[in-house]
Protein backbone atom coordinates (compact mmCIF):
# COMPACT_ATOMS: atom_id res chain seq x y z
CA MET A 1 42.93 -44.52 17.14
CA ARG A 2 46.27 -45.99 16.04
CA ALA A 3 49.76 -46.62 17.42
CA ILE A 4 53.25 -47.42 16.07
CA VAL A 5 54.09 -50.93 17.27
CA LEU A 6 57.44 -52.68 16.91
CA HIS A 7 57.15 -56.48 16.62
CA ALA A 8 60.81 -57.25 15.84
CA PRO A 9 63.80 -55.37 14.41
CA HIS A 10 62.67 -53.49 11.28
CA ASP A 11 59.11 -54.76 11.75
CA LEU A 12 57.02 -51.66 12.45
CA ARG A 13 53.25 -51.85 12.19
CA ILE A 14 50.49 -49.26 12.48
CA GLU A 15 47.80 -50.90 14.61
CA PRO A 16 44.45 -49.85 16.10
CA MET A 17 44.80 -48.89 19.76
CA PRO A 18 41.88 -46.91 21.17
CA ALA A 19 42.48 -45.00 24.38
CA PRO A 20 40.24 -45.96 27.31
CA ALA A 21 38.09 -43.29 28.93
CA PRO A 22 40.03 -41.53 31.68
CA GLY A 23 39.43 -42.73 35.21
CA PRO A 24 39.87 -40.69 38.39
CA ASP A 25 43.04 -38.57 38.28
CA GLU A 26 43.61 -39.41 34.60
CA VAL A 27 43.46 -37.48 31.34
CA THR A 28 43.27 -38.47 27.70
CA VAL A 29 45.80 -36.71 25.49
CA ARG A 30 45.38 -36.37 21.74
CA MET A 31 48.96 -36.50 20.53
CA GLY A 32 50.36 -33.86 18.22
CA ALA A 33 54.08 -34.63 17.98
CA GLY A 34 56.47 -37.40 18.99
CA GLY A 35 60.25 -37.49 18.60
CA ILE A 36 62.35 -40.51 17.71
CA CYS A 37 64.97 -41.08 20.42
CA GLY A 38 68.22 -43.03 20.33
CA SER A 39 66.62 -45.81 22.35
CA ASP A 40 63.82 -46.07 19.77
CA LEU A 41 66.48 -46.49 17.10
CA HIS A 42 68.19 -49.26 19.09
CA TYR A 43 64.88 -51.11 19.43
CA PHE A 44 64.14 -50.64 15.73
CA HIS A 45 67.55 -51.76 14.45
CA GLN A 46 68.76 -54.24 17.08
CA GLY A 47 65.67 -55.14 19.10
CA GLY A 48 67.15 -53.52 22.21
CA PHE A 49 70.44 -52.51 23.80
CA GLY A 50 72.72 -54.22 26.28
CA THR A 51 70.72 -56.79 28.20
CA VAL A 52 67.42 -55.07 27.40
CA ARG A 53 65.65 -57.05 24.66
CA LEU A 54 62.30 -56.77 22.96
CA MET A 55 60.31 -59.81 24.14
CA GLN A 56 56.84 -58.85 22.90
CA PRO A 57 55.29 -56.26 20.55
CA MET A 58 55.77 -52.80 22.00
CA VAL A 59 54.52 -49.32 21.18
CA LEU A 60 57.60 -47.15 20.78
CA GLY A 61 58.11 -43.55 21.85
CA HIS A 62 58.47 -41.40 24.94
CA GLU A 63 59.12 -37.87 23.63
CA VAL A 64 55.56 -36.68 23.01
CA ALA A 65 53.23 -33.73 23.40
CA GLY A 66 49.60 -33.13 22.60
CA THR A 67 46.29 -31.61 23.65
CA VAL A 68 44.09 -32.68 26.54
CA ALA A 69 40.96 -34.27 25.07
CA ALA A 70 39.15 -35.56 28.18
CA LEU A 71 39.39 -35.39 31.96
CA GLY A 72 38.73 -37.96 34.64
CA ALA A 73 37.27 -37.14 38.04
CA ASN A 74 39.32 -34.97 40.41
CA VAL A 75 41.61 -33.50 37.73
CA THR A 76 42.26 -29.80 38.26
CA SER A 77 45.85 -29.40 37.02
CA VAL A 78 44.85 -29.18 33.34
CA ALA A 79 41.70 -28.50 31.32
CA VAL A 80 40.34 -29.83 28.04
CA GLY A 81 42.15 -28.02 25.24
CA ASP A 82 45.35 -27.41 27.18
CA ARG A 83 48.60 -28.20 25.41
CA VAL A 84 50.77 -30.57 27.43
CA ALA A 85 54.11 -32.31 27.29
CA VAL A 86 53.86 -35.90 28.50
CA ASN A 87 56.39 -36.85 31.17
CA PRO A 88 57.21 -40.50 30.36
CA SER A 89 58.52 -41.25 33.87
CA ARG A 90 56.22 -42.74 36.50
CA PRO A 91 58.20 -43.39 39.70
CA CYS A 92 56.56 -45.50 42.39
CA GLU A 93 56.80 -42.76 45.08
CA THR A 94 57.23 -45.39 47.82
CA CYS A 95 60.69 -47.00 47.38
CA GLU A 96 63.77 -45.88 49.29
CA TYR A 97 65.06 -43.64 46.49
CA CYS A 98 61.71 -41.97 45.86
CA ARG A 99 61.43 -41.20 49.58
CA ARG A 100 64.93 -39.70 49.49
CA GLY A 101 64.01 -37.41 46.59
CA LEU A 102 65.97 -39.43 44.01
CA ARG A 103 62.98 -40.34 41.91
CA ASN A 104 65.02 -40.90 38.75
CA GLN A 105 66.59 -43.84 40.63
CA CYS A 106 63.20 -45.38 41.47
CA LEU A 107 63.35 -49.14 42.07
CA ASP A 108 60.01 -49.68 40.33
CA MET A 109 60.09 -47.04 37.59
CA ARG A 110 57.58 -47.22 34.77
CA PHE A 111 58.89 -45.43 31.70
CA TYR A 112 56.99 -45.28 28.42
CA GLY A 113 58.36 -47.29 25.52
CA SER A 114 60.74 -49.41 27.59
CA ALA A 115 61.47 -53.15 27.43
CA MET A 116 63.38 -53.08 30.73
CA ARG A 117 60.48 -54.79 32.46
CA PHE A 118 58.15 -57.56 31.33
CA PRO A 119 55.42 -57.15 30.33
CA HIS A 120 56.99 -54.17 28.61
CA MET A 121 55.98 -50.61 29.39
CA GLN A 122 54.13 -49.61 26.24
CA GLY A 123 55.14 -46.33 24.63
CA ALA A 124 53.48 -43.13 23.54
CA PHE A 125 53.60 -43.10 19.73
CA ARG A 126 49.79 -43.19 19.65
CA GLU A 127 47.13 -40.89 18.31
CA GLU A 128 45.44 -40.84 21.73
CA MET A 129 46.63 -42.01 25.13
CA THR A 130 45.12 -42.02 28.61
CA ILE A 131 47.66 -41.23 31.31
CA PRO A 132 47.83 -40.11 34.96
CA ALA A 133 47.14 -36.39 35.09
CA ALA A 134 50.40 -35.85 36.97
CA GLN A 135 52.28 -36.84 33.81
CA ALA A 136 50.55 -34.20 31.67
CA VAL A 137 52.66 -31.06 32.13
CA LYS A 138 51.02 -27.92 30.80
CA VAL A 139 52.89 -25.76 28.29
CA GLY A 140 51.97 -22.39 26.83
CA ALA A 141 48.88 -22.16 24.65
CA ALA A 142 50.95 -20.90 21.73
CA VAL A 143 53.83 -23.38 22.07
CA ASP A 144 54.43 -25.51 19.00
CA LEU A 145 53.82 -29.15 19.95
CA GLY A 146 57.01 -30.15 18.16
CA LEU A 147 58.96 -28.00 20.62
CA ALA A 148 56.88 -29.25 23.54
CA ALA A 149 57.84 -32.81 22.60
CA LEU A 150 61.46 -31.83 23.27
CA CYS A 151 60.74 -31.45 26.99
CA GLU A 152 61.90 -34.99 27.75
CA PRO A 153 65.33 -34.87 26.06
CA PHE A 154 65.84 -31.29 27.25
CA ALA A 155 65.12 -32.45 30.81
CA VAL A 156 67.88 -35.06 30.36
CA ALA A 157 70.24 -32.26 29.33
CA LEU A 158 69.23 -29.98 32.22
CA HIS A 159 69.87 -32.80 34.68
CA ALA A 160 73.30 -33.48 33.17
CA VAL A 161 74.32 -29.83 33.33
CA ALA A 162 73.18 -29.65 36.96
CA GLN A 163 75.55 -32.56 37.70
CA ALA A 164 78.43 -30.43 36.40
CA GLY A 165 77.97 -27.81 39.14
CA PRO A 166 78.02 -24.02 38.66
CA LEU A 167 78.99 -23.13 35.10
CA ASP A 168 78.68 -19.34 35.17
CA GLY A 169 81.74 -17.92 33.44
CA ARG A 170 83.30 -21.38 33.01
CA THR A 171 84.77 -23.22 30.04
CA VAL A 172 82.75 -26.31 29.10
CA LEU A 173 83.52 -29.18 26.73
CA VAL A 174 80.67 -31.20 25.18
CA SER A 175 81.80 -34.29 23.25
CA GLY A 176 79.23 -35.88 20.97
CA CYS A 177 76.70 -33.57 19.30
CA GLY A 178 73.72 -35.80 18.78
CA PRO A 179 70.35 -34.55 20.06
CA ILE A 180 71.32 -34.90 23.72
CA GLY A 181 74.73 -33.32 23.20
CA CYS A 182 73.20 -30.35 21.39
CA LEU A 183 70.60 -29.94 24.13
CA VAL A 184 73.38 -30.09 26.73
CA ILE A 185 75.01 -27.21 24.87
CA ALA A 186 71.77 -25.22 25.06
CA ALA A 187 71.48 -26.01 28.78
CA ALA A 188 75.11 -25.04 29.44
CA LYS A 189 74.52 -21.73 27.69
CA LEU A 190 71.50 -21.13 29.91
CA ALA A 191 73.69 -21.91 32.92
CA GLY A 192 76.02 -19.07 31.95
CA ALA A 193 79.01 -20.91 30.49
CA ALA A 194 81.42 -18.41 28.98
CA ALA A 195 82.91 -20.81 26.43
CA ILE A 196 81.37 -24.03 25.11
CA VAL A 197 83.60 -26.27 23.01
CA ALA A 198 81.72 -28.88 20.98
CA THR A 199 83.35 -31.90 19.37
CA ASP A 200 82.04 -34.53 16.98
CA ILE A 201 83.22 -36.68 14.08
CA THR A 202 80.56 -35.40 11.67
CA PRO A 203 80.34 -31.77 10.51
CA GLU A 204 76.56 -31.57 10.17
CA PRO A 205 75.78 -31.93 13.91
CA LEU A 206 78.48 -29.38 14.71
CA ALA A 207 76.66 -26.80 12.59
CA ILE A 208 73.56 -27.29 14.74
CA ALA A 209 75.66 -27.21 17.92
CA SER A 210 76.87 -23.77 16.89
CA ARG A 211 73.31 -22.52 16.47
CA LEU A 212 72.41 -23.79 19.95
CA GLY A 213 75.24 -22.01 21.72
CA ALA A 214 78.61 -23.68 21.09
CA THR A 215 81.31 -21.01 20.81
CA ARG A 216 83.85 -23.34 19.23
CA CYS A 217 83.12 -26.43 17.15
CA VAL A 218 85.81 -29.00 16.38
CA ASP A 219 85.60 -31.90 13.94
CA VAL A 220 87.75 -34.61 15.56
CA SER A 221 87.27 -37.22 12.83
CA GLY A 222 90.89 -36.69 11.78
CA GLY A 223 92.36 -36.38 15.25
CA THR A 224 92.35 -34.04 18.22
CA ASP A 225 95.30 -31.76 17.41
CA ALA A 226 92.95 -28.77 17.22
CA LEU A 227 92.22 -29.22 20.93
CA ALA A 228 95.87 -29.09 22.01
CA ASP A 229 95.53 -25.63 23.54
CA LEU A 230 92.85 -26.93 25.91
CA GLY A 231 95.30 -29.49 27.30
CA GLN A 232 97.96 -26.96 28.28
CA ASP A 233 99.00 -26.59 31.93
CA LYS A 234 97.15 -29.78 32.96
CA GLY A 235 93.93 -28.70 31.23
CA GLN A 236 91.84 -25.62 30.53
CA VAL A 237 88.31 -27.08 30.71
CA ASP A 238 86.33 -26.58 33.91
CA ALA A 239 83.65 -29.15 33.14
CA ALA A 240 83.32 -31.76 30.39
CA LEU A 241 80.07 -33.49 29.49
CA GLU A 242 80.72 -36.66 27.52
CA CYS A 243 77.63 -37.42 25.42
CA SER A 244 78.96 -39.84 22.81
CA GLY A 245 79.69 -42.94 24.89
CA ASN A 246 82.92 -43.31 22.91
CA ALA A 247 86.02 -44.52 24.79
CA ARG A 248 88.41 -42.25 22.87
CA ALA A 249 86.22 -39.22 23.50
CA LEU A 250 86.13 -40.04 27.21
CA ALA A 251 89.91 -40.41 27.45
CA GLY A 252 90.39 -37.21 25.50
CA ALA A 253 88.06 -35.26 27.76
CA ILE A 254 89.94 -36.42 30.86
CA GLY A 255 93.12 -34.99 29.39
CA LEU A 256 91.52 -31.57 28.85
CA VAL A 257 89.79 -31.06 32.20
CA ARG A 258 91.74 -28.91 34.63
CA PRO A 259 92.71 -30.18 38.10
CA ARG A 260 89.66 -30.51 40.37
CA GLY A 261 87.43 -30.12 37.36
CA THR A 262 84.32 -32.20 36.70
CA LEU A 263 83.53 -34.83 34.10
CA VAL A 264 79.89 -35.79 33.60
CA LEU A 265 79.16 -39.04 31.77
CA VAL A 266 75.94 -38.75 29.78
CA GLY A 267 76.38 -41.11 26.83
CA LEU A 268 76.09 -44.87 27.27
CA GLY A 269 79.00 -46.80 25.82
CA GLY A 270 79.42 -49.90 27.96
CA ASP A 271 82.54 -50.79 29.94
CA GLN A 272 85.59 -48.65 29.13
CA PRO A 273 89.15 -48.33 30.47
CA LEU A 274 90.02 -45.18 32.40
CA PRO A 275 93.40 -43.44 32.87
CA MET A 276 93.28 -43.78 36.64
CA ASN A 277 96.68 -42.15 37.25
CA THR A 278 95.53 -38.98 35.50
CA ILE A 279 92.21 -38.94 37.32
CA VAL A 280 93.89 -39.34 40.69
CA ALA A 281 96.70 -36.85 40.01
CA LYS A 282 94.30 -34.18 38.76
CA GLU A 283 91.75 -34.90 41.53
CA LEU A 284 88.93 -35.05 39.03
CA ALA A 285 85.29 -35.47 39.99
CA ILE A 286 83.52 -37.97 37.73
CA LYS A 287 79.74 -38.16 37.82
CA GLY A 288 77.10 -40.07 35.95
CA SER A 289 73.84 -38.53 34.78
CA PHE A 290 70.69 -40.63 34.41
CA ARG A 291 67.38 -39.36 33.06
CA PHE A 292 65.75 -36.53 35.06
CA ASP A 293 63.16 -35.68 37.70
CA GLU A 294 61.99 -32.16 38.46
CA GLU A 295 63.87 -30.97 35.38
CA PHE A 296 60.94 -32.01 33.18
CA ALA A 297 58.72 -29.26 34.61
CA ARG A 298 61.59 -26.80 34.27
CA ALA A 299 62.08 -27.79 30.63
CA ALA A 300 58.39 -27.13 30.00
CA ARG A 301 58.65 -23.68 31.60
CA LEU A 302 61.78 -22.70 29.68
CA ILE A 303 60.32 -23.78 26.36
CA SER A 304 56.97 -22.10 27.12
CA ASP A 305 58.64 -18.84 28.16
CA GLY A 306 60.86 -18.74 25.09
CA ALA A 307 63.95 -18.74 27.30
CA VAL A 308 65.56 -21.20 24.93
CA ASP A 309 65.11 -21.67 21.18
CA LEU A 310 65.41 -25.36 20.31
CA ARG A 311 64.08 -25.10 16.77
CA PRO A 312 67.51 -25.76 15.17
CA LEU A 313 67.25 -29.29 16.56
CA LEU A 314 64.10 -30.15 14.59
CA THR A 315 64.79 -31.90 11.29
CA GLY A 316 61.30 -32.67 10.08
CA SER A 317 57.90 -34.11 10.90
CA LEU A 318 56.38 -37.14 9.15
CA PRO A 319 52.93 -38.75 9.47
CA ILE A 320 52.78 -42.10 11.23
CA GLU A 321 51.95 -43.78 7.91
CA GLU A 322 55.58 -43.05 6.96
CA ALA A 323 57.06 -44.66 10.07
CA GLU A 324 59.66 -46.66 8.15
CA ALA A 325 60.86 -43.56 6.30
CA ALA A 326 60.99 -41.58 9.56
CA PHE A 327 63.22 -44.18 11.21
CA ALA A 328 65.46 -44.33 8.14
CA LEU A 329 65.87 -40.55 8.21
CA ALA A 330 66.49 -40.48 11.98
CA SER A 331 69.24 -43.08 11.51
CA ASP A 332 71.24 -40.82 9.18
CA ARG A 333 73.39 -38.39 11.22
CA LYS A 334 74.34 -36.46 8.10
CA ARG A 335 70.72 -35.64 7.30
CA ALA A 336 68.90 -35.65 10.60
CA MET A 337 69.07 -34.44 14.18
CA LYS A 338 65.58 -34.85 15.66
CA VAL A 339 62.91 -36.47 13.51
CA GLN A 340 59.35 -36.35 14.80
CA PHE A 341 56.04 -37.95 14.00
CA ARG A 342 53.02 -35.81 13.25
CA PHE A 343 49.80 -37.18 14.71
CA GLY A 344 46.34 -36.16 13.59
CA ASP A 345 45.71 -33.28 11.20
């Protein structure tokens, strides 16, 4: 069994990594699909992001799905042959935030493919992996594993949309139409938004945003004049979800949200100035959105039930032997949205 291991920026290696036999309350999953995330790209190109740095070789990946190959003692939640999405989050269950039901804020979180702790938490781009059974979330027997591997980023989007409050019949702005932004659009549509305005600086992602539920797509690479109507009378947008991490996009969204509207910050862009006078005068609610918790199981149900069609997000699937080519493709916003690895046959 093999894994995709990053040793340094642009130094990917395919290395043997057999999965141990499952112990009590564990399962072995034979992977079928794994998606390249923005954090994987940061590790690949820069060796990390912010203060998080790659300090030792690390298996990448946390958006994966596969088939249960073996069970440890006491496992009843899944059976051999079941298709599962792997939840990459493993909260400690004992810290203050876990006890308060805020498990995404766990003080001792273990998250696959993360260099936030040392030794690093190894990732899930492997042909086989043994994990706690609680992290193997069953999906429908007929669900494509490529779609099942979208459970993790879709859970991020569901959590972000929940932060925005009730959206039924509301006007929503989503700035930044990368994979998370497009999934936020799909989640906002599920939540009943009447109008979803999507903005980006590249036309190709906007085309996918339209297929996932955006009712109006605006290319803002040349300016934001086309959004002027949304700024009338102090703003026409009920909720804005900022997914780009771009300072100009954030400032622009604040100008379009109506008084007592909500702005949800999803994208990570570092420290940025804020127009405090506008925020105070319009009595805006600004919220952050970080990862997910129970939304992972909900994502699995929605994808299994066919309640949402996320296929427009999938760009292509490459074997792990073509890891370098897969990362090159995933880095090109004009050609790719979500690039996945294909494991096994």
